[in-house]
């Protein structure tokens, strides 16, 4: 028992010494590289956000870079580029594919039953708002008070305050 205690204490001391040594070493990262990383992170966050449209009470939760969004209560779909949700409807429109090119993203979207699908584009505008434009396929719709409400072919979104 004493041997085990001594061995554990030795390992703990070795680990502490290594950690101290790592803290004392100068960073190998140079300032220009740090600035490039910051600029790259800013570019890579355009389509990693939560945006909302208050008029229709819908939002988009997206991460087109890592495709790691889980649809609430529908985790059977796994990690995805994102989804459209509504405050008044528990159903979701799921983004299956997202291809980013500059400030535009081409999307393949389906409803959570898989019975309707469409292609769309999401554009980040100069004023930091976003425009979702439905192209081909089904029209996106949500249920409001038991009736279907079609979303417009062009829908404006802004950064959600909850994000």
C-alpha atoms as a PDB file:
ATOM      1  CA  UNK A   1       0.000   0.000   0.000  1.00  0.00           C
ATOM      2  CA  UNK A   2       2.877   2.378   0.841  1.00  0.00           C
ATOM      3  CA  UNK A   3       4.465   1.647  -2.552  1.00  0.00           C
ATOM      4  CA  UNK A   4       1.267   2.635  -4.380  1.00  0.00           C
ATOM      5  CA  UNK A   5       0.959   5.854  -2.367  1.00  0.00           C
ATOM      6  CA  UNK A   6       4.590   6.758  -3.036  1.00  0.00           C
ATOM      7  CA  UNK A   7       4.210   5.974  -6.757  1.00  0.00           C
ATOM      8  CA  UNK A   8       1.071   8.149  -7.029  1.00  0.00           C
ATOM      9  CA  UNK A   9       2.769  11.018  -5.193  1.00  0.00           C
ATOM     10  CA  UNK A  10       5.769  10.730  -7.544  1.00  0.00           C
ATOM     11  CA  UNK A  11       3.531  10.794 -10.629  1.00  0.00           C
ATOM     12  CA  UNK A  12       1.653  13.803  -9.266  1.00  0.00           C
ATOM     13  CA  UNK A  13       4.899  15.694  -8.664  1.00  0.00           C
ATOM     14  CA  UNK A  14       6.176  14.832 -12.152  1.00  0.00           C
ATOM     15  CA  UNK A  15       2.936  16.083 -13.717  1.00  0.00           C
ATOM     16  CA  UNK A  16       3.104  19.313 -11.721  1.00  0.00           C
ATOM     17  CA  UNK A  17       6.709  19.875 -12.766  1.00  0.00           C
ATOM     18  CA  UNK A  18       5.822  19.342 -16.446  1.00  0.00           C
ATOM     19  CA  UNK A  19       2.956  21.827 -16.175  1.00  0.00           C
ATOM     20  CA  UNK A  20       5.244  24.432 -14.566  1.00  0.00           C
ATOM     21  CA  UNK A  21       7.836  23.878 -17.317  1.00  0.00           C
ATOM     22  CA  UNK A  22       5.199  24.354 -20.038  1.00  0.00           C
ATOM     23  CA  UNK A  23       4.091  27.660 -18.492  1.00  0.00           C
ATOM     24  CA  UNK A  24       7.665  28.988 -18.474  1.00  0.00           C
ATOM     25  CA  UNK A  25       8.365  28.230 -22.155  1.00  0.00           C
ATOM     26  CA  UNK A  26       7.819  31.231 -24.462  1.00  0.00           C
ATOM     27  CA  UNK A  27       4.960  30.953 -26.882  1.00  0.00           C
ATOM     28  CA  UNK A  28       5.960  29.972 -30.393  1.00  0.00           C
ATOM     29  CA  UNK A  29       3.017  31.899 -31.850  1.00  0.00           C
ATOM     30  CA  UNK A  30       3.950  35.208 -33.422  1.00  0.00           C
ATOM     31  CA  UNK A  31       1.712  38.270 -33.450  1.00  0.00           C
ATOM     32  CA  UNK A  32       0.978  38.278 -37.221  1.00  0.00           C
ATOM     33  CA  UNK A  33      -0.213  34.665 -37.024  1.00  0.00           C
ATOM     34  CA  UNK A  34      -2.511  35.580 -34.139  1.00  0.00           C
ATOM     35  CA  UNK A  35      -3.962  38.431 -36.198  1.00  0.00           C
ATOM     36  CA  UNK A  36      -4.534  36.086 -39.155  1.00  0.00           C
ATOM     37  CA  UNK A  37      -6.298  33.595 -36.894  1.00  0.00           C
ATOM     38  CA  UNK A  38      -8.574  36.350 -35.556  1.00  0.00           C
ATOM     39  CA  UNK A  39      -9.453  37.520 -39.078  1.00  0.00           C
ATOM     40  CA  UNK A  40     -10.096  33.934 -40.146  1.00  0.00           C
ATOM     41  CA  UNK A  41     -12.337  33.333 -37.129  1.00  0.00           C
ATOM     42  CA  UNK A  42     -14.370  36.452 -38.004  1.00  0.00           C
ATOM     43  CA  UNK A  43     -14.869  35.197 -41.572  1.00  0.00           C
ATOM     44  CA  UNK A  44     -15.777  31.725 -40.330  1.00  0.00           C
ATOM     45  CA  UNK A  45     -18.464  33.038 -37.993  1.00  0.00           C
ATOM     46  CA  UNK A  46     -20.748  34.581 -40.638  1.00  0.00           C
ATOM     47  CA  UNK A  47     -22.696  31.310 -40.901  1.00  0.00           C
ATOM     48  CA  UNK A  48     -22.189  30.177 -37.303  1.00  0.00           C
ATOM     49  CA  UNK A  49     -24.965  32.000 -35.494  1.00  0.00           C
ATOM     50  CA  UNK A  50     -28.615  32.182 -34.490  1.00  0.00           C
ATOM     51  CA  UNK A  51     -30.721  34.599 -36.523  1.00  0.00           C
ATOM     52  CA  UNK A  52     -34.409  35.427 -36.213  1.00  0.00           C
ATOM     53  CA  UNK A  53     -37.376  36.937 -38.035  1.00  0.00           C
ATOM     54  CA  UNK A  54     -39.751  38.510 -35.516  1.00  0.00           C
ATOM     55  CA  UNK A  55     -42.658  39.031 -37.931  1.00  0.00           C
ATOM     56  CA  UNK A  56     -43.091  35.287 -38.549  1.00  0.00           C
ATOM     57  CA  UNK A  57     -41.566  34.321 -35.175  1.00  0.00           C
ATOM     58  CA  UNK A  58     -39.041  31.931 -36.747  1.00  0.00           C
ATOM     59  CA  UNK A  59     -35.311  31.511 -36.305  1.00  0.00           C
ATOM     60  CA  UNK A  60     -32.346  29.766 -37.906  1.00  0.00           C
ATOM     61  CA  UNK A  61     -29.799  28.043 -35.695  1.00  0.00           C
ATOM     62  CA  UNK A  62     -26.800  27.391 -37.987  1.00  0.00           C
ATOM     63  CA  UNK A  63     -23.166  26.361 -38.133  1.00  0.00           C
ATOM     64  CA  UNK A  64     -22.300  25.696 -41.769  1.00  0.00           C
ATOM     65  CA  UNK A  65     -18.585  25.273 -41.000  1.00  0.00           C
ATOM     66  CA  UNK A  66     -18.659  22.432 -38.452  1.00  0.00           C
ATOM     67  CA  UNK A  67     -22.176  21.044 -39.128  1.00  0.00           C
ATOM     68  CA  UNK A  68     -22.584  20.319 -35.430  1.00  0.00           C
ATOM     69  CA  UNK A  69     -26.110  21.556 -34.687  1.00  0.00           C
ATOM     70  CA  UNK A  70     -28.459  19.112 -32.949  1.00  0.00           C
ATOM     71  CA  UNK A  71     -32.174  19.691 -33.606  1.00  0.00           C
ATOM     72  CA  UNK A  72     -33.905  19.888 -30.191  1.00  0.00           C
ATOM     73  CA  UNK A  73     -35.940  16.747 -29.379  1.00  0.00           C
ATOM     74  CA  UNK A  74     -34.910  15.265 -32.736  1.00  0.00           C
ATOM     75  CA  UNK A  75     -31.354  14.156 -32.044  1.00  0.00           C
ATOM     76  CA  UNK A  76     -31.970  11.012 -34.106  1.00  0.00           C
ATOM     77  CA  UNK A  77     -30.896  13.131 -37.105  1.00  0.00           C
ATOM     78  CA  UNK A  78     -27.451  13.640 -35.555  1.00  0.00           C
ATOM     79  CA  UNK A  79     -25.304  16.690 -36.160  1.00  0.00           C
ATOM     80  CA  UNK A  80     -26.441  18.927 -39.018  1.00  0.00           C
ATOM     81  CA  UNK A  81     -25.590  22.342 -40.528  1.00  0.00           C
ATOM     82  CA  UNK A  82     -28.712  23.808 -38.902  1.00  0.00           C
ATOM     83  CA  UNK A  83     -32.486  24.106 -38.802  1.00  0.00           C
ATOM     84  CA  UNK A  84     -35.378  26.574 -38.948  1.00  0.00           C
ATOM     85  CA  UNK A  85     -37.588  26.622 -35.873  1.00  0.00           C
ATOM     86  CA  UNK A  86     -40.746  28.486 -34.941  1.00  0.00           C
ATOM     87  CA  UNK A  87     -42.067  29.839 -31.656  1.00  0.00           C
ATOM     88  CA  UNK A  88     -45.589  28.737 -32.643  1.00  0.00           C
ATOM     89  CA  UNK A  89     -44.851  25.317 -34.215  1.00  0.00           C
ATOM     90  CA  UNK A  90     -42.784  22.454 -32.796  1.00  0.00           C
ATOM     91  CA  UNK A  91     -41.972  21.111 -36.265  1.00  0.00           C
ATOM     92  CA  UNK A  92     -38.621  22.013 -37.790  1.00  0.00           C
ATOM     93  CA  UNK A  93     -37.216  22.557 -41.263  1.00  0.00           C
ATOM     94  CA  UNK A  94     -33.856  20.812 -41.314  1.00  0.00           C
ATOM     95  CA  UNK A  95     -30.836  22.013 -43.294  1.00  0.00           C
ATOM     96  CA  UNK A  96     -29.285  18.847 -44.724  1.00  0.00           C
ATOM     97  CA  UNK A  97     -26.490  20.447 -46.751  1.00  0.00           C
ATOM     98  CA  UNK A  98     -24.848  23.849 -46.755  1.00  0.00           C
ATOM     99  CA  UNK A  99     -22.180  25.000 -49.173  1.00  0.00           C
ATOM    100  CA  UNK A 100     -20.566  28.325 -48.256  1.00  0.00           C
ATOM    101  CA  UNK A 101     -19.043  30.650 -50.833  1.00  0.00           C
ATOM    102  CA  UNK A 102     -18.061  34.046 -49.448  1.00  0.00           C
ATOM    103  CA  UNK A 103     -21.208  35.650 -47.930  1.00  0.00           C
ATOM    104  CA  UNK A 104     -23.614  33.223 -49.643  1.00  0.00           C
ATOM    105  CA  UNK A 105     -24.624  29.705 -48.709  1.00  0.00           C
ATOM    106  CA  UNK A 106     -26.489  27.224 -50.920  1.00  0.00           C
ATOM    107  CA  UNK A 107     -28.830  25.051 -48.858  1.00  0.00           C
ATOM    108  CA  UNK A 108     -30.762  21.810 -49.164  1.00  0.00           C
ATOM    109  CA  UNK A 109     -33.670  21.869 -46.706  1.00  0.00           C
ATOM    110  CA  UNK A 110     -36.343  19.315 -45.768  1.00  0.00           C
ATOM    111  CA  UNK A 111     -39.167  19.196 -43.260  1.00  0.00           C
ATOM    112  CA  UNK A 112     -38.700  16.892 -40.288  1.00  0.00           C
ATOM    113  CA  UNK A 113     -40.957  14.236 -41.856  1.00  0.00           C
ATOM    114  CA  UNK A 114     -38.907  14.177 -45.050  1.00  0.00           C
ATOM    115  CA  UNK A 115     -42.037  14.663 -47.146  1.00  0.00           C
ATOM    116  CA  UNK A 116     -41.100  18.103 -48.515  1.00  0.00           C
ATOM    117  CA  UNK A 117     -37.780  19.551 -49.587  1.00  0.00           C
ATOM    118  CA  UNK A 118     -36.346  22.591 -51.317  1.00  0.00           C
ATOM    119  CA  UNK A 119     -33.184  24.399 -52.279  1.00  0.00           C
ATOM    120  CA  UNK A 120     -32.484  27.859 -50.936  1.00  0.00           C
ATOM    121  CA  UNK A 121     -29.769  30.434 -50.474  1.00  0.00           C
ATOM    122  CA  UNK A 122     -28.841  32.338 -47.349  1.00  0.00           C
ATOM    123  CA  UNK A 123     -27.007  35.607 -47.915  1.00  0.00           C
ATOM    124  CA  UNK A 124     -25.261  37.762 -45.334  1.00  0.00           C
ATOM    125  CA  UNK A 125     -26.007  41.337 -46.384  1.00  0.00           C
ATOM    126  CA  UNK A 126     -23.735  44.386 -45.984  1.00  0.00           C
ATOM    127  CA  UNK A 127     -25.833  45.597 -43.024  1.00  0.00           C
ATOM    128  CA  UNK A 128     -25.215  42.231 -41.213  1.00  0.00           C
ATOM    129  CA  UNK A 129     -28.775  41.070 -41.820  1.00  0.00           C
ATOM    130  CA  UNK A 130     -29.447  37.784 -43.628  1.00  0.00           C
ATOM    131  CA  UNK A 131     -31.825  36.953 -46.483  1.00  0.00           C
ATOM    132  CA  UNK A 132     -33.195  33.442 -46.954  1.00  0.00           C
ATOM    133  CA  UNK A 133     -34.403  32.928 -50.523  1.00  0.00           C
ATOM    134  CA  UNK A 134     -36.381  29.792 -51.366  1.00  0.00           C
ATOM    135  CA  UNK A 135     -35.427  28.620 -54.866  1.00  0.00           C
ATOM    136  CA  UNK A 136     -36.853  25.311 -56.083  1.00  0.00           C
ATOM    137  CA  UNK A 137     -39.077  22.703 -54.495  1.00  0.00           C
ATOM    138  CA  UNK A 138     -41.659  22.950 -51.735  1.00  0.00           C
ATOM    139  CA  UNK A 139     -42.655  26.178 -50.040  1.00  0.00           C
ATOM    140  CA  UNK A 140     -41.682  26.374 -46.380  1.00  0.00           C
ATOM    141  CA  UNK A 141     -44.665  26.658 -44.066  1.00  0.00           C
ATOM    142  CA  UNK A 142     -45.402  26.629 -40.340  1.00  0.00           C
ATOM    143  CA  UNK A 143     -48.566  25.884 -38.381  1.00  0.00           C
ATOM    144  CA  UNK A 144     -50.135  28.860 -36.608  1.00  0.00           C
ATOM    145  CA  UNK A 145     -53.307  28.256 -34.589  1.00  0.00           C
ATOM    146  CA  UNK A 146     -53.937  25.008 -36.464  1.00  0.00           C
ATOM    147  CA  UNK A 147     -53.586  26.540 -39.946  1.00  0.00           C
ATOM    148  CA  UNK A 148     -50.655  26.411 -42.354  1.00  0.00           C
ATOM    149  CA  UNK A 149     -48.895  29.724 -42.987  1.00  0.00           C
ATOM    150  CA  UNK A 150     -46.558  29.842 -45.978  1.00  0.00           C
ATOM    151  CA  UNK A 151     -43.306  31.667 -45.384  1.00  0.00           C
ATOM    152  CA  UNK A 152     -42.437  34.241 -48.079  1.00  0.00           C
ATOM    153  CA  UNK A 153     -39.954  33.225 -50.780  1.00  0.00           C
ATOM    154  CA  UNK A 154     -37.599  35.923 -49.421  1.00  0.00           C
ATOM    155  CA  UNK A 155     -37.344  36.255 -45.678  1.00  0.00           C
ATOM    156  CA  UNK A 156     -35.139  38.720 -43.784  1.00  0.00           C
ATOM    157  CA  UNK A 157     -33.330  37.644 -40.591  1.00  0.00           C
ATOM    158  CA  UNK A 158     -31.261  39.553 -38.021  1.00  0.00           C
ATOM    159  CA  UNK A 159     -28.934  38.327 -35.266  1.00  0.00           C
ATOM    160  CA  UNK A 160     -31.001  36.907 -32.440  1.00  0.00           C
ATOM    161  CA  UNK A 161     -30.564  38.717 -29.130  1.00  0.00           C
ATOM    162  CA  UNK A 162     -30.624  35.306 -27.375  1.00  0.00           C
ATOM    163  CA  UNK A 163     -27.574  34.065 -29.300  1.00  0.00           C
END
